[in-house]
PDB file of N, CA and C in Angstrom:
ATOM      1  N   MET A   1    -103.742  72.861 -24.926  1.00  0.00           N
ATOM      2  CA  MET A   1    -103.638  71.071 -25.109  1.00  0.00           C
ATOM      3  C   MET A   1    -101.915  70.908 -25.448  1.00  0.00           C
ATOM      4  N   LEU A   2    -101.708  69.619 -24.910  1.00  0.00           N
ATOM      5  CA  LEU A   2    -100.646  69.237 -24.721  1.00  0.00           C
ATOM      6  C   LEU A   2     -99.343  69.380 -25.682  1.00  0.00           C
ATOM      7  N   GLU A   3    -100.108  68.719 -27.329  1.00  0.00           N
ATOM      8  CA  GLU A   3     -99.296  68.643 -28.264  1.00  0.00           C
ATOM      9  C   GLU A   3     -98.780  69.710 -28.438  1.00  0.00           C
ATOM     10  N   ASN A   4     -99.127  70.953 -27.957  1.00  0.00           N
ATOM     11  CA  ASN A   4     -99.247  72.610 -27.913  1.00  0.00           C
ATOM     12  C   ASN A   4     -97.909  73.239 -27.200  1.00  0.00           C
ATOM     13  N   TYR A   5     -97.628  72.606 -26.082  1.00  0.00           N
ATOM     14  CA  TYR A   5     -96.656  73.285 -25.385  1.00  0.00           C
ATOM     15  C   TYR A   5     -95.476  72.586 -25.310  1.00  0.00           C
ATOM     16  N   CYS A   6     -94.208  73.522 -25.492  1.00  0.00           N
ATOM     17  CA  CYS A   6     -92.583  73.370 -25.827  1.00  0.00           C
ATOM     18  C   CYS A   6     -91.938  73.522 -25.010  1.00  0.00           C
ATOM     19  N   GLY A   7     -92.079  73.711 -23.710  1.00  0.00           N
ATOM     20  CA  GLY A   7     -91.392  74.135 -22.762  1.00  0.00           C
ATOM     21  C   GLY A   7     -90.918  72.344 -22.059  1.00  0.00           C
ATOM     22  N   THR A   8     -91.254  71.915 -21.241  1.00  0.00           N
ATOM     23  CA  THR A   8     -90.711  70.969 -20.278  1.00  0.00           C
ATOM     24  C   THR A   8     -91.931  70.537 -19.720  1.00  0.00           C
ATOM     25  N   LEU A   9     -92.129  68.941 -19.422  1.00  0.00           N
ATOM     26  CA  LEU A   9     -92.984  68.228 -18.813  1.00  0.00           C
ATOM     27  C   LEU A   9     -92.689  67.556 -17.537  1.00  0.00           C
ATOM     28  N   ALA A  10     -91.305  68.445 -16.860  1.00  0.00           N
ATOM     29  CA  ALA A  10     -91.107  67.716 -15.596  1.00  0.00           C
ATOM     30  C   ALA A  10     -91.706  67.792 -14.315  1.00  0.00           C
ATOM     31  N   HIS A  11     -92.791  68.418 -14.633  1.00  0.00           N
ATOM     32  CA  HIS A  11     -93.461  69.068 -13.435  1.00  0.00           C
ATOM     33  C   HIS A  11     -94.832  68.150 -13.503  1.00  0.00           C
ATOM     34  N   LYS A  12     -94.684  66.704 -14.655  1.00  0.00           N
ATOM     35  CA  LYS A  12     -95.550  66.023 -14.445  1.00  0.00           C
ATOM     36  C   LYS A  12     -94.934  64.365 -14.216  1.00  0.00           C
ATOM     37  N   THR A  13     -94.006  64.809 -13.558  1.00  0.00           N
ATOM     38  CA  THR A  13     -93.115  63.516 -13.134  1.00  0.00           C
ATOM     39  C   THR A  13     -93.599  63.218 -11.939  1.00  0.00           C
ATOM     40  N   ASN A  14     -93.988  61.841 -11.645  1.00  0.00           N
ATOM     41  CA  ASN A  14     -94.145  61.571 -10.252  1.00  0.00           C
ATOM     42  C   ASN A  14     -92.961  60.823  -9.329  1.00  0.00           C
ATOM     43  N   HIS A  15     -93.562  60.899  -7.898  1.00  0.00           N
ATOM     44  CA  HIS A  15     -92.221  60.385  -7.061  1.00  0.00           C
ATOM     45  C   HIS A  15     -91.984  58.841  -6.754  1.00  0.00           C
ATOM     46  N   SER A  16     -91.146  58.521  -6.455  1.00  0.00           N
ATOM     47  CA  SER A  16     -90.528  57.367  -6.053  1.00  0.00           C
ATOM     48  C   SER A  16     -89.302  57.513  -5.282  1.00  0.00           C
ATOM     49  N   PHE A  17     -89.574  56.859  -4.181  1.00  0.00           N
ATOM     50  CA  PHE A  17     -87.964  56.642  -3.217  1.00  0.00           C
ATOM     51  C   PHE A  17     -86.966  55.885  -4.215  1.00  0.00           C
ATOM     52  N   VAL A  18     -87.445  55.375  -4.884  1.00  0.00           N
ATOM     53  CA  VAL A  18     -86.965  54.468  -6.488  1.00  0.00           C
ATOM     54  C   VAL A  18     -86.882  54.778  -7.267  1.00  0.00           C
ATOM     55  N   ALA A  19     -86.128  56.164  -7.865  1.00  0.00           N
ATOM     56  CA  ALA A  19     -86.763  56.990  -8.914  1.00  0.00           C
ATOM     57  C   ALA A  19     -85.257  56.207 -10.594  1.00  0.00           C
ATOM     58  N   ASN A  20     -85.610  56.543 -11.194  1.00  0.00           N
ATOM     59  CA  ASN A  20     -84.570  56.161 -12.615  1.00  0.00           C
ATOM     60  C   ASN A  20     -84.605  57.492 -13.239  1.00  0.00           C
ATOM     61  N   ALA A  21     -85.151  58.965 -12.506  1.00  0.00           N
ATOM     62  CA  ALA A  21     -84.738  60.311 -12.869  1.00  0.00           C
ATOM     63  C   ALA A  21     -84.401  60.587 -12.110  1.00  0.00           C
ATOM     64  N   GLU A  22     -84.213  61.998 -12.194  1.00  0.00           N
ATOM     65  CA  GLU A  22     -83.377  63.476 -11.105  1.00  0.00           C
ATOM     66  C   GLU A  22     -84.005  64.627 -11.958  1.00  0.00           C
ATOM     67  N   PHE A  23     -84.182  65.420 -10.998  1.00  0.00           N
ATOM     68  CA  PHE A  23     -84.965  66.837 -11.554  1.00  0.00           C
ATOM     69  C   PHE A  23     -83.372  67.703 -11.913  1.00  0.00           C
ATOM     70  N   VAL A  24     -82.985  68.156 -13.041  1.00  0.00           N
ATOM     71  CA  VAL A  24     -81.946  68.903 -13.274  1.00  0.00           C
ATOM     72  C   VAL A  24     -82.766  70.176 -13.746  1.00  0.00           C
ATOM     73  N   VAL A  25     -81.489  71.459 -13.790  1.00  0.00           N
ATOM     74  CA  VAL A  25     -82.223  72.784 -14.332  1.00  0.00           C
ATOM     75  C   VAL A  25     -80.829  73.067 -15.463  1.00  0.00           C
ATOM     76  N   PHE A  26     -81.848  73.015 -16.904  1.00  0.00           N
ATOM     77  CA  PHE A  26     -81.100  73.451 -18.033  1.00  0.00           C
ATOM     78  C   PHE A  26     -81.447  74.951 -18.177  1.00  0.00           C
ATOM     79  N   ASP A  27     -80.362  75.259 -18.872  1.00  0.00           N
ATOM     80  CA  ASP A  27     -80.419  76.760 -19.010  1.00  0.00           C
ATOM     81  C   ASP A  27     -80.511  77.017 -20.725  1.00  0.00           C
ATOM     82  N   HIS A  28     -81.663  77.268 -20.996  1.00  0.00           N
ATOM     83  CA  HIS A  28     -82.192  77.181 -22.370  1.00  0.00           C
ATOM     84  C   HIS A  28     -81.715  78.787 -22.770  1.00  0.00           C
ATOM     85  N   PRO A  29     -81.055  78.762 -24.084  1.00  0.00           N
ATOM     86  CA  PRO A  29     -80.632  80.254 -24.709  1.00  0.00           C
ATOM     87  C   PRO A  29     -81.813  81.282 -24.914  1.00  0.00           C
ATOM     88  N   ARG A  30     -83.086  80.611 -24.868  1.00  0.00           N
ATOM     89  CA  ARG A  30     -84.277  81.674 -25.613  1.00  0.00           C
ATOM     90  C   ARG A  30     -85.087  81.576 -24.033  1.00  0.00           C
ATOM     91  N   LEU A  31     -85.696  80.236 -23.607  1.00  0.00           N
ATOM     92  CA  LEU A  31     -86.573  80.199 -22.545  1.00  0.00           C
ATOM     93  C   LEU A  31     -85.996  80.488 -21.500  1.00  0.00           C
ATOM     94  N   GLY A  32     -84.455  80.638 -21.013  1.00  0.00           N
ATOM     95  CA  GLY A  32     -83.940  80.704 -19.900  1.00  0.00           C
ATOM     96  C   GLY A  32     -83.906  79.261 -18.912  1.00  0.00           C
ATOM     97  N   LEU A  33     -83.896  79.578 -17.944  1.00  0.00           N
ATOM     98  CA  LEU A  33     -83.836  78.251 -16.705  1.00  0.00           C
ATOM     99  C   LEU A  33     -85.180  77.400 -16.781  1.00  0.00           C
ATOM    100  N   LEU A  34     -84.849  76.140 -16.648  1.00  0.00           N
ATOM    101  CA  LEU A  34     -86.198  75.357 -17.415  1.00  0.00           C
ATOM    102  C   LEU A  34     -86.019  74.137 -16.331  1.00  0.00           C
ATOM    103  N   PRO A  35     -86.816  73.793 -15.642  1.00  0.00           N
ATOM    104  CA  PRO A  35     -86.819  72.254 -14.805  1.00  0.00           C
ATOM    105  C   PRO A  35     -86.918  71.288 -15.958  1.00  0.00           C
ATOM    106  N   CYS A  36     -86.210  70.232 -15.536  1.00  0.00           N
ATOM    107  CA  CYS A  36     -85.828  69.364 -16.817  1.00  0.00           C
ATOM    108  C   CYS A  36     -85.763  67.538 -15.841  1.00  0.00           C
ATOM    109  N   VAL A  37     -85.993  66.841 -16.655  1.00  0.00           N
ATOM    110  CA  VAL A  37     -85.727  65.482 -15.924  1.00  0.00           C
ATOM    111  C   VAL A  37     -84.676  64.625 -16.733  1.00  0.00           C
ATOM    112  N   LEU A  38     -83.413  64.249 -16.250  1.00  0.00           N
ATOM    113  CA  LEU A  38     -82.360  63.538 -16.346  1.00  0.00           C
ATOM    114  C   LEU A  38     -82.465  61.958 -15.697  1.00  0.00           C
ATOM    115  N   SER A  39     -82.431  60.952 -16.872  1.00  0.00           N
ATOM    116  CA  SER A  39     -82.541  59.525 -16.687  1.00  0.00           C
ATOM    117  C   SER A  39     -81.038  59.194 -16.188  1.00  0.00           C
ATOM    118  N   THR A  40     -81.300  58.388 -14.392  1.00  0.00           N
ATOM    119  CA  THR A  40     -79.843  58.155 -13.946  1.00  0.00           C
ATOM    120  C   THR A  40     -80.147  56.535 -14.108  1.00  0.00           C
ATOM    121  N   HIS A  41     -81.038  55.807 -14.944  1.00  0.00           N
ATOM    122  CA  HIS A  41     -81.092  54.636 -14.938  1.00  0.00           C
ATOM    123  C   HIS A  41     -81.497  54.604 -16.852  1.00  0.00           C
ATOM    124  N   ASP A  42     -81.246  53.346 -17.412  1.00  0.00           N
ATOM    125  CA  ASP A  42     -81.780  53.531 -18.268  1.00  0.00           C
ATOM    126  C   ASP A  42     -83.300  52.738 -18.122  1.00  0.00           C
ATOM    127  N   ILE A  43     -84.254  53.358 -19.393  1.00  0.00           N
ATOM    128  CA  ILE A  43     -85.579  53.602 -19.336  1.00  0.00           C
ATOM    129  C   ILE A  43     -86.248  52.803 -20.132  1.00  0.00           C
ATOM    130  N   GLU A  44     -87.095  51.813 -20.176  1.00  0.00           N
ATOM    131  CA  GLU A  44     -87.929  51.007 -21.245  1.00  0.00           C
ATOM    132  C   GLU A  44     -88.921  51.728 -21.910  1.00  0.00           C
ATOM    133  N   ALA A  45     -88.805  51.722 -23.505  1.00  0.00           N
ATOM    134  CA  ALA A  45     -90.327  52.397 -23.662  1.00  0.00           C
ATOM    135  C   ALA A  45     -91.400  52.455 -23.608  1.00  0.00           C
ATOM    136  N   GLY A  46     -92.251  53.366 -23.039  1.00  0.00           N
ATOM    137  CA  GLY A  46     -93.550  53.019 -22.554  1.00  0.00           C
ATOM    138  C   GLY A  46     -93.389  53.236 -20.672  1.00  0.00           C
ATOM    139  N   GLU A  47     -91.994  52.803 -20.509  1.00  0.00           N
ATOM    140  CA  GLU A  47     -92.144  52.886 -18.779  1.00  0.00           C
ATOM    141  C   GLU A  47     -91.977  54.323 -18.222  1.00  0.00           C
ATOM    142  N   GLU A  48     -92.789  54.442 -16.917  1.00  0.00           N
ATOM    143  CA  GLU A  48     -93.211  55.578 -16.318  1.00  0.00           C
ATOM    144  C   GLU A  48     -91.732  56.198 -16.074  1.00  0.00           C
ATOM    145  N   ILE A  49     -91.325  57.208 -15.760  1.00  0.00           N
ATOM    146  CA  ILE A  49     -90.319  57.834 -15.100  1.00  0.00           C
ATOM    147  C   ILE A  49     -90.916  58.233 -13.868  1.00  0.00           C
ATOM    148  N   PHE A  50     -90.143  58.092 -12.909  1.00  0.00           N
ATOM    149  CA  PHE A  50     -90.079  58.424 -11.696  1.00  0.00           C
ATOM    150  C   PHE A  50     -88.599  59.014 -10.540  1.00  0.00           C
ATOM    151  N   VAL A  51     -88.992  60.332 -10.289  1.00  0.00           N
ATOM    152  CA  VAL A  51     -88.202  60.774  -9.568  1.00  0.00           C
ATOM    153  C   VAL A  51     -88.091  60.759  -8.067  1.00  0.00           C
ATOM    154  N   HIS A  52     -86.997  61.085  -7.335  1.00  0.00           N
ATOM    155  CA  HIS A  52     -87.105  61.203  -5.569  1.00  0.00           C
ATOM    156  C   HIS A  52     -87.647  62.650  -5.626  1.00  0.00           C
ATOM    157  N   TYR A  53     -88.768  63.225  -4.782  1.00  0.00           N
ATOM    158  CA  TYR A  53     -88.774  64.323  -4.446  1.00  0.00           C
ATOM    159  C   TYR A  53     -87.813  65.288  -3.567  1.00  0.00           C
ATOM    160  N   GLY A  54     -87.170  64.437  -2.884  1.00  0.00           N
ATOM    161  CA  GLY A  54     -86.239  65.142  -2.165  1.00  0.00           C
ATOM    162  C   GLY A  54     -86.686  65.935  -0.834  1.00  0.00           C
ATOM    163  N   TYR A  55     -87.955  65.828  -0.463  1.00  0.00           N
ATOM    164  CA  TYR A  55     -88.579  66.391   0.516  1.00  0.00           C
ATOM    165  C   TYR A  55     -87.822  65.846   2.045  1.00  0.00           C
ATOM    166  N   ASN A  56     -87.285  66.805   2.927  1.00  0.00           N
ATOM    167  CA  ASN A  56     -86.972  66.295   4.449  1.00  0.00           C
ATOM    168  C   ASN A  56     -87.987  65.721   4.787  1.00  0.00           C
ATOM    169  N   LEU A  57     -87.965  64.512   5.953  1.00  0.00           N
ATOM    170  CA  LEU A  57     -88.914  63.606   6.259  1.00  0.00           C
ATOM    171  C   LEU A  57     -89.578  63.970   7.433  1.00  0.00           C
ATOM    172  N   TYR A  58     -88.680  65.547   8.281  1.00  0.00           N
ATOM    173  CA  TYR A  58     -89.135  66.190   9.157  1.00  0.00           C
ATOM    174  C   TYR A  58     -89.973  67.451   9.015  1.00  0.00           C
ATOM    175  N   ASN A  59     -90.368  67.557   7.547  1.00  0.00           N
ATOM    176  CA  ASN A  59     -90.952  68.729   7.182  1.00  0.00           C
ATOM    177  C   ASN A  59     -91.359  68.182   5.894  1.00  0.00           C
ATOM    178  N   CYS A  60     -92.476  67.240   5.757  1.00  0.00           N
ATOM    179  CA  CYS A  60     -92.712  66.969   4.398  1.00  0.00           C
ATOM    180  C   CYS A  60     -94.159  66.567   4.088  1.00  0.00           C
ATOM    181  N   PRO A  61     -95.046  66.779   3.275  1.00  0.00           N
ATOM    182  CA  PRO A  61     -96.464  66.188   2.962  1.00  0.00           C
ATOM    183  C   PRO A  61     -96.856  65.171   3.629  1.00  0.00           C
ATOM    184  N   GLU A  62     -97.633  65.349   4.162  1.00  0.00           N
ATOM    185  CA  GLU A  62     -98.401  63.732   5.225  1.00  0.00           C
ATOM    186  C   GLU A  62     -98.019  62.625   3.970  1.00  0.00           C
ATOM    187  N   TRP A  63     -98.642  62.958   2.700  1.00  0.00           N
ATOM    188  CA  TRP A  63     -98.446  61.383   1.872  1.00  0.00           C
ATOM    189  C   TRP A  63     -97.571  61.244   1.896  1.00  0.00           C
ATOM    190  N   TYR A  64     -96.213  62.175   1.610  1.00  0.00           N
ATOM    191  CA  TYR A  64     -94.690  61.509   1.689  1.00  0.00           C
ATOM    192  C   TYR A  64     -94.195  60.392   2.805  1.00  0.00           C
ATOM    193  N   GLU A  65     -94.734  61.195   3.760  1.00  0.00           N
ATOM    194  CA  GLU A  65     -93.958  60.466   4.900  1.00  0.00           C
ATOM    195  C   GLU A  65     -94.931  59.020   5.234  1.00  0.00           C
ATOM    196  N   LYS A  66     -96.308  59.169   4.940  1.00  0.00           N
ATOM    197  CA  LYS A  66     -96.877  57.834   4.953  1.00  0.00           C
ATOM    198  C   LYS A  66     -96.576  57.017   3.641  1.00  0.00           C
ATOM    199  N   ALA A  67     -96.042  57.254   2.743  1.00  0.00           N
ATOM    200  CA  ALA A  67     -95.438  56.108   1.548  1.00  0.00           C
ATOM    201  C   ALA A  67     -94.007  56.140   1.994  1.00  0.00           C
ATOM    202  N   TRP A  68     -93.551  56.443   2.867  1.00  0.00           N
ATOM    203  CA  TRP A  68     -92.136  55.718   3.423  1.00  0.00           C
ATOM    204  C   TRP A  68     -92.210  54.748   4.541  1.00  0.00           C
ATOM    205  N   GLN A  69     -93.219  55.397   5.220  1.00  0.00           N
ATOM    206  CA  GLN A  69     -93.624  54.672   6.336  1.00  0.00           C
ATOM    207  C   GLN A  69     -93.854  53.317   6.048  1.00  0.00           C
ATOM    208  N   ASP A  70     -94.619  53.379   5.313  1.00  0.00           N
ATOM    209  CA  ASP A  70     -95.587  52.181   4.875  1.00  0.00           C
ATOM    210  C   ASP A  70     -94.786  51.477   3.767  1.00  0.00           C
ATOM    211  N   GLY A  71     -93.847  51.946   3.546  1.00  0.00           N
ATOM    212  CA  GLY A  71     -93.274  51.247   1.915  1.00  0.00           C
ATOM    213  C   GLY A  71     -93.870  51.274   0.727  1.00  0.00           C
ATOM    214  N   ASN A  72     -94.725  52.218   0.818  1.00  0.00           N
ATOM    215  CA  ASN A  72     -96.061  51.989  -0.404  1.00  0.00           C
ATOM    216  C   ASN A  72     -96.046  53.230  -1.458  1.00  0.00           C
ATOM    217  N   TYR A  73     -94.559  52.803  -1.764  1.00  0.00           N
ATOM    218  CA  TYR A  73     -94.470  53.462  -3.386  1.00  0.00           C
ATOM    219  C   TYR A  73     -94.150  52.975  -4.495  1.00  0.00           C
ATOM    220  N   PRO A  74     -94.316  52.798  -5.492  1.00  0.00           N
ATOM    221  CA  PRO A  74     -93.845  52.717  -6.730  1.00  0.00           C
ATOM    222  C   PRO A  74     -92.116  52.117  -7.170  1.00  0.00           C
ATOM    223  N   ILE A  75     -92.533  51.261  -7.795  1.00  0.00           N
ATOM    224  CA  ILE A  75     -91.136  50.448  -8.410  1.00  0.00           C
ATOM    225  C   ILE A  75     -90.812  50.746  -9.969  1.00  0.00           C
ATOM    226  N   PRO A  76     -89.763  51.510 -10.648  1.00  0.00           N
ATOM    227  CA  PRO A  76     -89.764  51.809 -11.720  1.00  0.00           C
ATOM    228  C   PRO A  76     -89.743  50.199 -12.235  1.00  0.00           C
ATOM    229  N   ASP A  77     -90.287  49.648 -13.578  1.00  0.00           N
ATOM    230  CA  ASP A  77     -90.401  48.736 -14.150  1.00  0.00           C
ATOM    231  C   ASP A  77     -88.933  47.765 -14.100  1.00  0.00           C
ATOM    232  N   SER A  78     -88.154  48.699 -14.715  1.00  0.00           N
ATOM    233  CA  SER A  78     -87.075  48.186 -14.939  1.00  0.00           C
ATOM    234  C   SER A  78     -85.974  48.179 -13.771  1.00  0.00           C
ATOM    235  N   MET A  79     -86.279  48.342 -12.379  1.00  0.00           N
ATOM    236  CA  MET A  79     -85.474  48.314 -11.811  1.00  0.00           C
ATOM    237  C   MET A  79     -86.420  47.359 -10.539  1.00  0.00           C
ATOM    238  N   LYS A  80     -87.218  46.683 -10.767  1.00  0.00           N
ATOM    239  CA  LYS A  80     -88.012  45.618  -9.928  1.00  0.00           C
ATOM    240  C   LYS A  80     -87.059  44.327  -9.664  1.00  0.00           C
ATOM    241  N   ASP A  81     -85.919  44.059 -10.413  1.00  0.00           N
ATOM    242  CA  ASP A  81     -85.342  42.898 -10.041  1.00  0.00           C
ATOM    243  C   ASP A  81     -84.140  43.633  -9.050  1.00  0.00           C
ATOM    244  N   CYS A  82     -83.955  44.379  -9.350  1.00  0.00           N
ATOM    245  CA  CYS A  82     -83.072  44.841  -7.903  1.00  0.00           C
ATOM    246  C   CYS A  82     -83.514  45.691  -6.609  1.00  0.00           C
ATOM    247  N   PHE A  83     -84.743  45.939  -6.619  1.00  0.00           N
ATOM    248  CA  PHE A  83     -85.713  46.262  -5.735  1.00  0.00           C
ATOM    249  C   PHE A  83     -86.500  45.376  -5.297  1.00  0.00           C
ATOM    250  N   GLY A  84     -86.804  44.065  -6.154  1.00  0.00           N
ATOM    251  CA  GLY A  84     -88.156  43.422  -5.888  1.00  0.00           C
ATOM    252  C   GLY A  84     -89.636  43.874  -5.296  1.00  0.00           C
ATOM    253  N   GLY A  85     -90.697  43.168  -4.636  1.00  0.00           N
ATOM    254  CA  GLY A  85     -92.085  43.622  -4.960  1.00  0.00           C
ATOM    255  C   GLY A  85     -92.472  43.661  -5.778  1.00  0.00           C
ATOM    256  N   ASN A  86     -93.538  44.020  -6.101  1.00  0.00           N
ATOM    257  CA  ASN A  86     -94.766  44.480  -7.452  1.00  0.00           C
ATOM    258  C   ASN A  86     -94.921  45.239  -7.691  1.00  0.00           C
ATOM    259  N   GLY A  87     -94.074  46.291  -7.641  1.00  0.00           N
ATOM    260  CA  GLY A  87     -94.199  47.916  -8.455  1.00  0.00           C
ATOM    261  C   GLY A  87     -95.045  48.774  -7.103  1.00  0.00           C
ATOM    262  N   ASN A  88     -95.390  48.729  -6.422  1.00  0.00           N
ATOM    263  CA  ASN A  88     -95.829  49.331  -5.132  1.00  0.00           C
ATOM    264  C   ASN A  88     -95.150  49.496  -3.884  1.00  0.00           C
ATOM    265  N   GLY A  89     -94.172  48.904  -4.192  1.00  0.00           N
ATOM    266  CA  GLY A  89     -93.820  49.031  -2.346  1.00  0.00           C
ATOM    267  C   GLY A  89     -93.871  47.864  -1.400  1.00  0.00           C
ATOM    268  N   SER A  90     -95.055  47.151  -2.200  1.00  0.00           N
ATOM    269  CA  SER A  90     -95.594  46.295  -1.054  1.00  0.00           C
ATOM    270  C   SER A  90     -95.118  44.928  -1.517  1.00  0.00           C
ATOM    271  N   SER A  91     -94.839  43.590  -0.639  1.00  0.00           N
ATOM    272  CA  SER A  91     -94.176  42.785  -0.945  1.00  0.00           C
ATOM    273  C   SER A  91     -94.187  41.499   0.321  1.00  0.00           C
ATOM    274  N   SER A  92     -93.821  40.496  -0.198  1.00  0.00           N
ATOM    275  CA  SER A  92     -94.419  39.374   1.051  1.00  0.00           C
ATOM    276  C   SER A  92     -93.209  39.906   2.131  1.00  0.00           C
ATOM    277  N   SER A  93     -93.406  38.915   3.317  1.00  0.00           N
ATOM    278  CA  SER A  93     -92.403  39.270   4.388  1.00  0.00           C
ATOM    279  C   SER A  93     -91.226  39.479   4.275  1.00  0.00           C
ATOM    280  N   SER A  94     -90.106  38.327   3.739  1.00  0.00           N
ATOM    281  CA  SER A  94     -89.067  38.379   3.718  1.00  0.00           C
ATOM    282  C   SER A  94     -88.718  39.257   2.371  1.00  0.00           C
ATOM    283  N   GLU A  95     -89.228  39.607   1.223  1.00  0.00           N
ATOM    284  CA  GLU A  95     -89.087  40.949   0.226  1.00  0.00           C
ATOM    285  C   GLU A  95     -89.401  42.140   1.124  1.00  0.00           C
ATOM    286  N   GLY A  96     -90.123  42.298   1.812  1.00  0.00           N
ATOM    287  CA  GLY A  96     -89.976  43.525   2.951  1.00  0.00           C
ATOM    288  C   GLY A  96     -89.470  43.994   3.936  1.00  0.00           C
ATOM    289  N   GLU A  97     -88.599  42.527   4.480  1.00  0.00           N
ATOM    290  CA  GLU A  97     -87.467  42.911   5.236  1.00  0.00           C
ATOM    291  C   GLU A  97     -86.402  43.304   3.990  1.00  0.00           C
ATOM    292  N   GLU A  98     -85.753  42.889   2.874  1.00  0.00           N
ATOM    293  CA  GLU A  98     -85.257  43.172   2.190  1.00  0.00           C
ATOM    294  C   GLU A  98     -85.450  44.464   1.846  1.00  0.00           C
ATOM    295  N   GLU A  99     -86.650  44.913   1.397  1.00  0.00           N
ATOM    296  CA  GLU A  99     -86.842  46.419   1.182  1.00  0.00           C
ATOM    297  C   GLU A  99     -86.910  47.165   2.341  1.00  0.00           C
ATOM    298  N   SER A 100     -86.467  46.874   3.617  1.00  0.00           N
ATOM    299  CA  SER A 100     -86.751  47.923   4.602  1.00  0.00           C
ATOM    300  C   SER A 100     -84.878  48.133   4.895  1.00  0.00           C
ATOM    301  N   ALA A 101     -84.480  47.265   4.245  1.00  0.00           N
ATOM    302  CA  ALA A 101     -83.187  47.543   4.534  1.00  0.00           C
ATOM    303  C   ALA A 101     -82.701  48.661   3.180  1.00  0.00           C
ATOM    304  N   ASN A 102     -82.986  47.677   2.226  1.00  0.00           N
ATOM    305  CA  ASN A 102     -83.084  49.046   1.000  1.00  0.00           C
ATOM    306  C   ASN A 102     -83.337  50.099   1.485  1.00  0.00           C
ATOM    307  N   ALA A 103     -84.881  50.422   1.750  1.00  0.00           N
ATOM    308  CA  ALA A 103     -84.582  51.507   2.367  1.00  0.00           C
ATOM    309  C   ALA A 103     -83.833  52.551   3.469  1.00  0.00           C
ATOM    310  N   GLN A 104     -83.683  51.790   4.262  1.00  0.00           N
ATOM    311  CA  GLN A 104     -82.811  52.484   5.231  1.00  0.00           C
ATOM    312  C   GLN A 104     -81.301  52.795   4.391  1.00  0.00           C
ATOM    313  N   THR A 105     -80.856  52.327   3.726  1.00  0.00           N
ATOM    314  CA  THR A 105     -79.830  51.977   3.320  1.00  0.00           C
ATOM    315  C   THR A 105     -80.100  53.322   1.963  1.00  0.00           C
ATOM    316  N   ALA A 106     -81.222  53.356   1.252  1.00  0.00           N
ATOM    317  CA  ALA A 106     -81.277  54.546   0.356  1.00  0.00           C
ATOM    318  C   ALA A 106     -81.464  55.537   1.613  1.00  0.00           C
ATOM    319  N   ALA A 107     -81.995  55.853   2.555  1.00  0.00           N
ATOM    320  CA  ALA A 107     -82.160  57.032   3.405  1.00  0.00           C
ATOM    321  C   ALA A 107     -80.701  57.588   3.633  1.00  0.00           C
ATOM    322  N   GLU A 108     -79.818  56.202   4.148  1.00  0.00           N
ATOM    323  CA  GLU A 108     -78.533  56.820   4.632  1.00  0.00           C
ATOM    324  C   GLU A 108     -77.792  57.544   3.779  1.00  0.00           C
ATOM    325  N   GLY A 109     -78.105  57.204   2.416  1.00  0.00           N
ATOM    326  CA  GLY A 109     -77.119  57.657   1.014  1.00  0.00           C
ATOM    327  C   GLY A 109     -77.926  59.083   1.131  1.00  0.00           C
ATOM    328  N   GLU A 110     -79.255  58.989   1.210  1.00  0.00           N
ATOM    329  CA  GLU A 110     -79.853  60.996   0.978  1.00  0.00           C
ATOM    330  C   GLU A 110     -79.590  61.573   2.314  1.00  0.00           C
ATOM    331  N   LYS A 111     -78.665  60.864   3.591  1.00  0.00           N
ATOM    332  CA  LYS A 111     -78.752  62.041   4.342  1.00  0.00           C
ATOM    333  C   LYS A 111     -77.097  62.251   4.522  1.00  0.00           C
ATOM    334  N   ALA A 112     -76.473  61.337   3.640  1.00  0.00           N
ATOM    335  CA  ALA A 112     -75.033  61.714   3.327  1.00  0.00           C
ATOM    336  C   ALA A 112     -75.119  63.392   2.472  1.00  0.00           C
ATOM    337  N   GLU A 113     -75.718  62.926   1.273  1.00  0.00           N
ATOM    338  CA  GLU A 113     -75.785  63.758  -0.099  1.00  0.00           C
ATOM    339  C   GLU A 113     -76.376  65.017   0.631  1.00  0.00           C
ATOM    340  N   GLU A 114     -77.401  65.066   1.522  1.00  0.00           N
ATOM    341  CA  GLU A 114     -77.506  65.770   1.805  1.00  0.00           C
ATOM    342  C   GLU A 114     -76.132  66.708   2.859  1.00  0.00           C
ATOM    343  N   GLN A 115     -75.678  66.020   3.570  1.00  0.00           N
ATOM    344  CA  GLN A 115     -74.515  66.938   4.452  1.00  0.00           C
ATOM    345  C   GLN A 115     -73.557  67.032   3.529  1.00  0.00           C
ATOM    346  N   ARG A 116     -72.999  66.151   2.462  1.00  0.00           N
ATOM    347  CA  ARG A 116     -72.486  66.361   1.606  1.00  0.00           C
ATOM    348  C   ARG A 116     -72.899  68.242   0.551  1.00  0.00           C
ATOM    349  N   LYS A 117     -74.005  68.459   0.277  1.00  0.00           N
ATOM    350  CA  LYS A 117     -74.640  69.548  -0.462  1.00  0.00           C
ATOM    351  C   LYS A 117     -74.292  70.913   0.752  1.00  0.00           C
ATOM    352  N   ASN A 118     -74.410  70.689   2.104  1.00  0.00           N
ATOM    353  CA  ASN A 118     -74.316  71.693   2.896  1.00  0.00           C
ATOM    354  C   ASN A 118     -72.627  71.745   3.526  1.00  0.00           C
ATOM    355  N   GLY A 119     -71.980  70.914   3.174  1.00  0.00           N
ATOM    356  CA  GLY A 119     -70.467  71.105   3.181  1.00  0.00           C
ATOM    357  C   GLY A 119     -70.325  70.118   4.519  1.00  0.00           C
ATOM    358  N   ILE A 120     -70.925  69.614   5.142  1.00  0.00           N
ATOM    359  CA  ILE A 120     -70.862  68.477   6.533  1.00  0.00           C
ATOM    360  C   ILE A 120     -69.828  67.441   6.328  1.00  0.00           C
ATOM    361  N   LEU A 121     -69.696  67.107   5.592  1.00  0.00           N
ATOM    362  CA  LEU A 121     -69.328  65.791   4.960  1.00  0.00           C
ATOM    363  C   LEU A 121     -68.670  65.735   3.490  1.00  0.00           C
ATOM    364  N   LYS A 122     -67.736  65.475   3.479  1.00  0.00           N
ATOM    365  CA  LYS A 122     -66.333  65.551   2.439  1.00  0.00           C
ATOM    366  C   LYS A 122     -66.960  64.244   1.370  1.00  0.00           C
ATOM    367  N   GLU A 123     -66.391  64.477   0.121  1.00  0.00           N
ATOM    368  CA  GLU A 123     -66.601  63.327  -0.539  1.00  0.00           C
ATOM    369  C   GLU A 123     -65.094  62.303  -0.509  1.00  0.00           C
ATOM    370  N   GLY A 124     -65.393  61.144  -0.684  1.00  0.00           N
ATOM    371  CA  GLY A 124     -64.248  60.498  -0.575  1.00  0.00           C
ATOM    372  C   GLY A 124     -64.325  59.685   1.064  1.00  0.00           C
TER     373      GLY A 124
END
């Protein structure tokens, strides 16, 4: 039963390309390393928490690539004003163009972050 679980519920977190949280590792003194979720934005009470799974688009599950290509992914309620849409990544054509630009900017940011992690791109 869920109420008896004392570790972490990080494995229950859903994916979005527009995330309001991220995965981190917490070193618990008794339980050791635990996957955890850290909010990156304010999250309203009752709002669903999303993380970006961080798959490489060249080696990812089919559903992930399709969601990216179709622009069909959830947007956290508290972030809809920033990213538009109706919460599932779909929108009208002018909003769709804006979302496409936002998605491209996000992809470029992800690529830069990956390059930083690999030591290819320096900070600043």
